[in-house]
Protein backbone atom coordinates (compact mmCIF):
# COMPACT_ATOMS: atom_id res chain seq x y z
CA UNK A 1 -31.60 -36.76 -23.30
CA UNK A 2 -33.76 -35.29 -20.56
CA UNK A 3 -33.17 -31.61 -19.78
CA UNK A 4 -32.62 -31.43 -16.03
CA UNK A 5 -33.69 -28.20 -14.37
CA UNK A 6 -30.94 -28.36 -11.77
CA UNK A 7 -28.26 -28.66 -14.45
CA UNK A 8 -29.61 -25.64 -16.35
CA UNK A 9 -29.76 -23.70 -13.08
CA UNK A 10 -26.19 -24.66 -12.16
CA UNK A 11 -24.87 -23.69 -15.59
CA UNK A 12 -26.43 -20.25 -15.23
CA UNK A 13 -25.25 -19.90 -11.63
CA UNK A 14 -21.70 -20.98 -12.52
CA UNK A 15 -21.61 -18.71 -15.56
CA UNK A 16 -22.34 -15.64 -13.45
CA UNK A 17 -20.09 -16.87 -10.60
CA UNK A 18 -17.10 -17.05 -12.95
CA UNK A 19 -17.83 -13.57 -14.31
CA UNK A 20 -17.95 -12.36 -10.70
CA UNK A 21 -14.67 -14.13 -9.87
CA UNK A 22 -12.78 -12.46 -12.71
CA UNK A 23 -14.51 -9.13 -12.11
CA UNK A 24 -13.12 -9.22 -8.57
CA UNK A 25 -9.74 -10.84 -9.25
CA UNK A 26 -8.55 -8.92 -12.33
CA UNK A 27 -8.14 -5.45 -10.77
CA UNK A 28 -6.46 -6.98 -7.73
CA UNK A 29 -3.86 -8.63 -9.94
CA UNK A 30 -2.99 -5.41 -11.79
CA UNK A 31 -3.76 -2.73 -9.19
CA UNK A 32 -3.36 -4.37 -5.78
CA UNK A 33 -1.58 -1.27 -4.45
CA UNK A 34 -4.82 0.70 -4.88
CA UNK A 35 -6.66 -1.49 -2.36
CA UNK A 36 -6.94 -1.07 1.37
CA UNK A 37 -6.13 -4.18 3.41
CA UNK A 38 -9.84 -4.65 4.12
CA UNK A 39 -10.94 -4.64 0.47
CA UNK A 40 -7.96 -6.71 -0.59
CA UNK A 41 -8.95 -9.41 1.87
CA UNK A 42 -12.62 -9.22 0.91
CA UNK A 43 -11.60 -9.55 -2.74
CA UNK A 44 -9.60 -12.68 -2.00
CA UNK A 45 -12.50 -14.31 -0.12
CA UNK A 46 -15.13 -13.53 -2.76
CA UNK A 47 -12.93 -14.47 -5.71
CA UNK A 48 -12.05 -17.80 -4.14
CA UNK A 49 -15.72 -18.58 -3.46
CA UNK A 50 -16.84 -17.61 -6.97
CA UNK A 51 -14.10 -19.59 -8.71
CA UNK A 52 -15.91 -22.72 -7.56
CA UNK A 53 -18.16 -22.21 -10.57
CA UNK A 54 -15.54 -23.92 -12.74
CA UNK A 55 -15.72 -27.06 -10.61
CA UNK A 56 -19.51 -27.05 -10.93
CA UNK A 57 -19.13 -26.98 -14.71
CA UNK A 58 -16.84 -30.01 -14.48
CA UNK A 59 -19.32 -31.84 -12.24
CA UNK A 60 -22.12 -31.12 -14.72
CA UNK A 61 -20.03 -32.64 -17.52
CA UNK A 62 -19.50 -35.74 -15.41
CA UNK A 63 -23.21 -36.04 -14.65
CA UNK A 64 -24.06 -35.91 -18.36
CA UNK A 65 -21.18 -37.77 -20.02
CA UNK A 66 -20.69 -40.63 -17.55
CA UNK A 67 -24.29 -41.85 -17.52
CA UNK A 68 -24.16 -45.48 -18.73
CA UNK A 69 -27.22 -44.95 -20.93
CA UNK A 70 -25.58 -42.06 -22.83
CA UNK A 71 -24.21 -43.38 -26.09
CA UNK A 72 -20.79 -41.90 -26.74
CA UNK A 73 -18.80 -43.47 -29.54
CA UNK A 74 -15.24 -42.37 -30.22
CA UNK A 75 -16.41 -40.83 -33.48
CA UNK A 76 -19.08 -38.75 -31.73
CA UNK A 77 -16.66 -37.81 -28.95
CA UNK A 78 -14.10 -36.39 -31.37
CA UNK A 79 -16.38 -34.92 -34.03
CA UNK A 80 -18.90 -33.26 -31.70
CA UNK A 81 -17.15 -32.49 -28.42
CA UNK A 82 -13.37 -32.43 -28.78
CA UNK A 83 -13.55 -30.70 -32.17
CA UNK A 84 -15.66 -27.98 -30.56
CA UNK A 85 -12.97 -27.33 -27.94
CA UNK A 86 -10.15 -27.36 -30.51
CA UNK A 87 -11.94 -24.93 -32.82
CA UNK A 88 -12.77 -22.58 -29.94
CA UNK A 89 -9.14 -22.55 -28.83
CA UNK A 90 -7.72 -22.17 -32.34
CA UNK A 91 -9.99 -19.24 -33.11
CA UNK A 92 -10.49 -17.40 -29.84
CA UNK A 93 -7.36 -18.58 -28.01
CA UNK A 94 -5.21 -17.34 -30.89
CA UNK A 95 -7.23 -14.13 -31.21
CA UNK A 96 -6.93 -13.33 -27.49
CA UNK A 97 -3.19 -14.04 -27.55
CA UNK A 98 -2.83 -11.74 -30.57
CA UNK A 99 -4.79 -9.00 -28.80
CA UNK A 100 -2.49 -9.29 -25.78
CA UNK A 101 0.64 -9.09 -27.94
CA UNK A 102 -0.64 -6.04 -29.84
CA UNK A 103 -1.71 -4.37 -26.60
CA UNK A 104 1.73 -4.99 -25.04
CA UNK A 105 3.83 -4.00 -28.06
CA UNK A 106 1.47 -1.19 -29.13
CA UNK A 107 1.91 -2.04 -32.80
CA UNK A 108 0.67 -4.55 -35.38
CA UNK A 109 3.07 -6.84 -37.27
CA UNK A 110 2.69 -10.04 -39.30
CA UNK A 111 5.13 -11.93 -37.06
CA UNK A 112 2.64 -11.56 -34.20
CA UNK A 113 0.25 -14.06 -35.82
CA UNK A 114 2.52 -17.15 -35.55
CA UNK A 115 3.58 -15.98 -32.09
CA UNK A 116 -0.08 -15.84 -31.03
CA UNK A 117 -0.68 -19.28 -32.53
CA UNK A 118 2.28 -20.65 -30.58
CA UNK A 119 0.97 -19.12 -27.36
CA UNK A 120 -2.39 -20.76 -27.98
CA UNK A 121 -0.78 -24.18 -28.46
CA UNK A 122 1.24 -23.73 -25.24
CA UNK A 123 -1.77 -22.55 -23.20
CA UNK A 124 -0.21 -19.11 -22.88
CA UNK A 125 -3.19 -17.17 -24.18
CA UNK A 126 -5.59 -15.62 -21.65
CA UNK A 127 -5.63 -17.40 -18.31
CA UNK A 128 -9.32 -18.33 -18.18
CA UNK A 129 -8.93 -20.61 -21.21
CA UNK A 130 -7.11 -23.20 -19.06
CA UNK A 131 -10.54 -24.73 -18.51
CA UNK A 132 -10.87 -25.61 -22.21
CA UNK A 133 -7.48 -27.35 -22.31
CA UNK A 134 -8.40 -29.32 -19.20
CA UNK A 135 -11.88 -30.13 -20.57
CA UNK A 136 -10.38 -31.58 -23.74
CA UNK A 137 -8.25 -33.86 -21.57
CA UNK A 138 -11.29 -34.98 -19.59
CA UNK A 139 -13.14 -35.75 -22.82
CA UNK A 140 -10.21 -37.85 -24.02
CA UNK A 141 -10.34 -40.14 -20.98
CA UNK A 142 -14.15 -40.20 -20.76
CA UNK A 143 -14.43 -43.57 -22.58
CA UNK A 144 -12.15 -45.12 -19.94
CA UNK A 145 -14.13 -43.55 -17.09
CA UNK A 146 -17.43 -44.67 -18.63
CA UNK A 147 -16.16 -48.24 -18.80
CA UNK A 148 -15.21 -48.00 -15.14
CA UNK A 149 -18.66 -46.61 -14.24
CA UNK A 150 -20.42 -49.39 -16.16
CA UNK A 151 -18.56 -52.17 -14.38
CA UNK A 152 -17.92 -50.71 -10.90
CA UNK A 153 -20.26 -51.16 -7.96
CA UNK A 154 -21.62 -48.14 -6.10
CA UNK A 155 -19.19 -48.91 -3.27
CA UNK A 156 -16.23 -48.95 -5.66
CA UNK A 157 -17.29 -45.60 -7.13
CA UNK A 158 -17.59 -44.09 -3.63
CA UNK A 159 -14.22 -45.57 -2.72
CA UNK A 160 -12.54 -44.09 -5.82
CA UNK A 161 -13.97 -40.62 -5.12
CA UNK A 162 -12.93 -40.82 -1.46
CA UNK A 163 -9.36 -41.81 -2.38
CA UNK A 164 -9.00 -38.96 -4.87
CA UNK A 165 -10.50 -36.52 -2.35
CA UNK A 166 -8.02 -37.55 0.34
CA UNK A 167 -4.94 -37.52 -1.90
CA UNK A 168 -5.73 -34.23 -3.66
CA UNK A 169 -7.28 -32.22 -0.83
CA UNK A 170 -6.69 -33.75 2.60
CA UNK A 171 -2.98 -34.62 2.25
CA UNK A 172 -2.02 -31.07 1.10
CA UNK A 173 -4.06 -29.71 4.02
CA UNK A 174 -2.08 -31.85 6.46
CA UNK A 175 1.18 -30.66 4.94
CA UNK A 176 0.16 -27.01 5.26
CA UNK A 177 -1.07 -27.20 8.83
CA UNK A 178 1.21 -29.81 10.39
CA UNK A 179 4.24 -29.58 8.11
CA UNK A 180 4.10 -33.30 7.44
CA UNK A 181 4.59 -34.08 3.75
CA UNK A 182 3.02 -37.40 2.83
CA UNK A 183 5.01 -39.05 0.07
CA UNK A 184 2.22 -41.19 -1.37
CA UNK A 185 0.47 -39.80 -4.43
CA UNK A 186 -1.71 -40.86 -7.34
CA UNK A 187 0.16 -39.99 -10.53
CA UNK A 188 -2.74 -39.74 -12.98
CA UNK A 189 -5.66 -38.06 -11.23
CA UNK A 190 -6.43 -34.61 -9.87
CA UNK A 191 -9.23 -32.36 -8.68
CA UNK A 192 -10.92 -32.14 -12.13
CA UNK A 193 -11.38 -35.92 -12.23
CA UNK A 194 -12.66 -35.80 -8.66
CA UNK A 195 -15.44 -33.40 -9.65
CA UNK A 196 -16.07 -35.24 -12.93
CA UNK A 197 -16.77 -38.47 -11.03
CA UNK A 198 -18.51 -36.68 -8.17
CA UNK A 199 -20.95 -34.99 -10.54
CA UNK A 200 -22.01 -38.39 -11.84
CA UNK A 201 -22.16 -39.93 -8.35
CA UNK A 202 -24.39 -37.14 -7.01
CA UNK A 203 -26.60 -37.15 -10.10
CA UNK A 204 -27.05 -40.93 -9.89
CA UNK A 205 -27.69 -40.84 -6.10
CA UNK A 206 -24.65 -43.02 -5.47
CA UNK A 207 -23.57 -40.28 -3.06
CA UNK A 208 -26.19 -38.24 -1.23
CA UNK A 209 -25.46 -35.06 0.70
CA UNK A 210 -28.28 -33.82 2.96
CA UNK A 211 -29.18 -30.15 2.70
CA UNK A 212 -28.15 -29.41 6.28
CA UNK A 213 -24.65 -30.74 5.59
CA UNK A 214 -24.38 -28.62 2.43
CA UNK A 215 -25.26 -25.52 4.47
CA UNK A 216 -22.63 -26.47 7.06
CA UNK A 217 -20.03 -26.86 4.29
CA UNK A 218 -20.83 -23.41 2.89
CA UNK A 219 -20.79 -21.75 6.31
CA UNK A 220 -17.57 -23.51 7.32
CA UNK A 221 -15.82 -22.46 4.10
CA UNK A 222 -16.81 -18.81 4.43
CA UNK A 223 -15.75 -18.81 8.09
CA UNK A 224 -12.34 -20.33 7.26
CA UNK A 225 -11.72 -17.91 4.39
CA UNK A 226 -12.54 -14.93 6.60
CA UNK A 227 -10.36 -16.32 9.38
CA UNK A 228 -7.46 -16.79 6.96
CA UNK A 229 -7.83 -13.18 5.81
CA UNK A 230 -7.65 -11.99 9.42
CA UNK A 231 -4.63 -14.14 10.27
CA UNK A 232 -2.68 -13.50 7.05
CA UNK A 233 -0.87 -10.18 7.04
CA UNK A 234 0.55 -10.63 3.55
CA UNK A 235 -1.22 -11.97 0.46
CA UNK A 236 0.79 -12.98 -2.58
CA UNK A 237 -0.93 -12.80 -5.96
CA UNK A 238 0.23 -14.74 -9.02
CA UNK A 239 -1.74 -14.96 -12.24
CA UNK A 240 -5.45 -15.39 -11.64
CA UNK A 241 -4.90 -17.26 -8.38
CA UNK A 242 -4.50 -15.96 -4.87
CA UNK A 243 -1.83 -17.57 -2.73
CA UNK A 244 -1.42 -17.40 1.01
CA UNK A 245 -4.31 -19.63 2.07
CA UNK A 246 -3.46 -22.88 3.80
CA UNK A 247 -6.94 -24.23 3.13
CA UNK A 248 -7.76 -22.84 -0.32
CA UNK A 249 -7.84 -26.12 -2.22
CA UNK A 250 -9.83 -27.92 0.46
CA UNK A 251 -12.38 -25.24 1.31
CA UNK A 252 -12.55 -24.02 -2.27
CA UNK A 253 -13.87 -27.47 -3.17
CA UNK A 254 -16.54 -27.62 -0.48
CA UNK A 255 -18.73 -24.79 -1.75
CA UNK A 256 -19.18 -26.11 -5.31
CA UNK A 257 -19.96 -29.57 -3.91
CA UNK A 258 -22.52 -28.03 -1.55
CA UNK A 259 -24.15 -25.86 -4.22
CA UNK A 260 -24.32 -28.76 -6.64
CA UNK A 261 -26.03 -30.94 -4.06
CA UNK A 262 -28.49 -28.22 -3.02
CA UNK A 263 -29.49 -27.57 -6.63
CA UNK A 264 -29.92 -31.29 -7.23
CA UNK A 265 -32.16 -31.62 -4.17
CA UNK A 266 -34.30 -28.54 -4.75
CA UNK A 267 -34.65 -28.35 -8.56
CA UNK A 268 -36.81 -31.39 -9.22
CA UNK A 269 -38.65 -30.66 -12.46
CA UNK A 270 -37.41 -30.56 -16.05
CA UNK A 271 -35.59 -27.52 -17.36
CA UNK A 272 -37.76 -24.54 -18.21
CA UNK A 273 -37.52 -22.83 -21.58
CA UNK A 274 -35.81 -19.67 -20.29
CA UNK A 275 -33.39 -21.68 -18.12
CA UNK A 276 -32.45 -23.82 -21.10
CA UNK A 277 -31.97 -20.74 -23.31
CA UNK A 278 -29.59 -19.06 -20.85
CA UNK A 279 -27.70 -22.24 -20.01
CA UNK A 280 -26.97 -22.85 -23.70
CA UNK A 281 -25.15 -19.50 -23.77
CA UNK A 282 -22.85 -20.39 -20.87
CA UNK A 283 -20.00 -21.82 -22.99
CA UNK A 284 -19.78 -18.72 -25.14
CA UNK A 285 -20.12 -16.40 -22.16
CA UNK A 286 -17.22 -18.21 -20.49
CA UNK A 287 -15.05 -17.56 -23.55
CA UNK A 288 -16.01 -13.92 -24.17
CA UNK A 289 -16.46 -12.43 -20.70
CA UNK A 290 -12.72 -11.88 -20.27
CA UNK A 291 -12.69 -9.60 -23.34
CA UNK A 292 -15.00 -7.09 -21.70
CA UNK A 293 -13.41 -7.35 -18.25
CA UNK A 294 -9.95 -6.75 -19.68
CA UNK A 295 -11.17 -3.85 -21.81
CA UNK A 296 -12.84 -2.11 -18.87
CA UNK A 297 -9.92 -2.52 -16.49
CA UNK A 298 -6.95 -2.25 -18.88
CA UNK A 299 -8.22 0.22 -21.50
CA UNK A 300 -10.74 2.31 -19.57
CA UNK A 301 -8.50 2.09 -16.46
CA UNK A 302 -11.29 1.54 -13.97
CA UNK A 303 -9.65 1.16 -10.55
CA UNK A 304 -10.54 1.50 -6.86
CA UNK A 305 -9.11 5.02 -7.04
CA UNK A 306 -11.84 6.11 -9.47
CA UNK A 307 -14.81 4.81 -7.48
CA UNK A 308 -15.69 2.59 -4.53
CA UNK A 309 -14.81 -1.08 -4.87
CA UNK A 310 -18.41 -2.45 -4.59
CA UNK A 311 -19.65 0.04 -7.20
CA UNK A 312 -16.77 -0.86 -9.50
CA UNK A 313 -17.60 -4.55 -9.18
CA UNK A 314 -21.29 -3.96 -9.81
CA UNK A 315 -20.72 -1.87 -12.94
CA UNK A 316 -18.17 -4.27 -14.44
CA UNK A 317 -20.26 -7.34 -13.60
CA UNK A 318 -23.45 -5.98 -15.19
CA UNK A 319 -21.74 -4.64 -18.33
CA UNK A 320 -19.71 -7.83 -18.79
CA UNK A 321 -22.70 -10.12 -18.24
CA UNK A 322 -24.96 -8.26 -20.66
CA UNK A 323 -22.36 -7.86 -23.41
CA UNK A 324 -21.15 -11.47 -23.09
CA UNK A 325 -24.71 -12.80 -23.36
CA UNK A 326 -25.48 -10.59 -26.36
CA UNK A 327 -22.21 -11.50 -28.12
CA UNK A 328 -22.80 -15.22 -27.63
CA UNK A 329 -26.44 -15.00 -28.72
CA UNK A 330 -25.60 -13.07 -31.89
CA UNK A 331 -22.74 -15.40 -32.88
CA UNK A 332 -24.96 -18.44 -32.30
CA UNK A 333 -27.34 -17.06 -34.94
CA UNK A 334 -24.69 -18.13 -37.46
CA UNK A 335 -25.53 -21.83 -38.05
CA UNK A 336 -21.95 -23.07 -38.49
CA UNK A 337 -20.81 -21.28 -35.32
CA UNK A 338 -23.70 -22.70 -33.29
CA UNK A 339 -23.14 -26.23 -34.60
CA UNK A 340 -19.38 -26.51 -34.32
CA UNK A 341 -18.11 -23.91 -31.82
CA UNK A 342 -20.62 -22.28 -29.47
């Protein structure tokens, strides 16, 4: 299959965006009391913007997997793609859960191994791995979505995307702002499927977003996030997500859509060798970056009280990016790891 430059670029961009999101979000979750109101609000805005990298990854998968010309038998789907996710979760999901248990209990015991395995099965390992569980689900329904793509008209595809967009993003926005809860819902779709289909629709030119509109979407989102920070006097933090925004889901979806469209419009040629090399490391970097972020913040106890917030972010981002890239590259030198996991 053709190597698209814009897809390689977006993989690299999203890889670093997700590292930035967790670099910013992690210390807020564990040390929010160390932040001034100003830096707490700035952290919320930047983390929300950077988390859009996950949606770009989903859109890329849709662009590649839903193309009618891409042959994807059930055997290939399970043996090449779903098996890769399962192995990554079984190995690294269990390992990360075990590390968390040992770190919490401050001792090593045999009983911790089955407990870590159970946490992995229940998606109770490290939070960033939720993406792999969701991706496996998307892969499972890909044959159904491909059949829909092959038989649907462009209008029907646009209609389906519009309906999902309204039900998953517009209706919750109305409820937040107006207080009107709309009872209608679609029981089997969500934002991941929206971006999965949207990635294909943008790639295939079924939906076109002009560059000026993408810039407006980015500017509008940043303006709304900043406005929400000014208006909100209290920010509640749970897990890796920030709560307190009335427009998070809606605006948080606009930036990845805009960036995806801009990359598609500007990156016209085939992927370059260096782009392709870095983009192939993105899956492993996504898995491993949390190890280094957690070590720096939890073990080395780097906090806003030890240095300025921007300097802390810069140091953690650079160290995490470099070590994650090196770790992934070295592990991919092992043929079986490269073929089946990373």
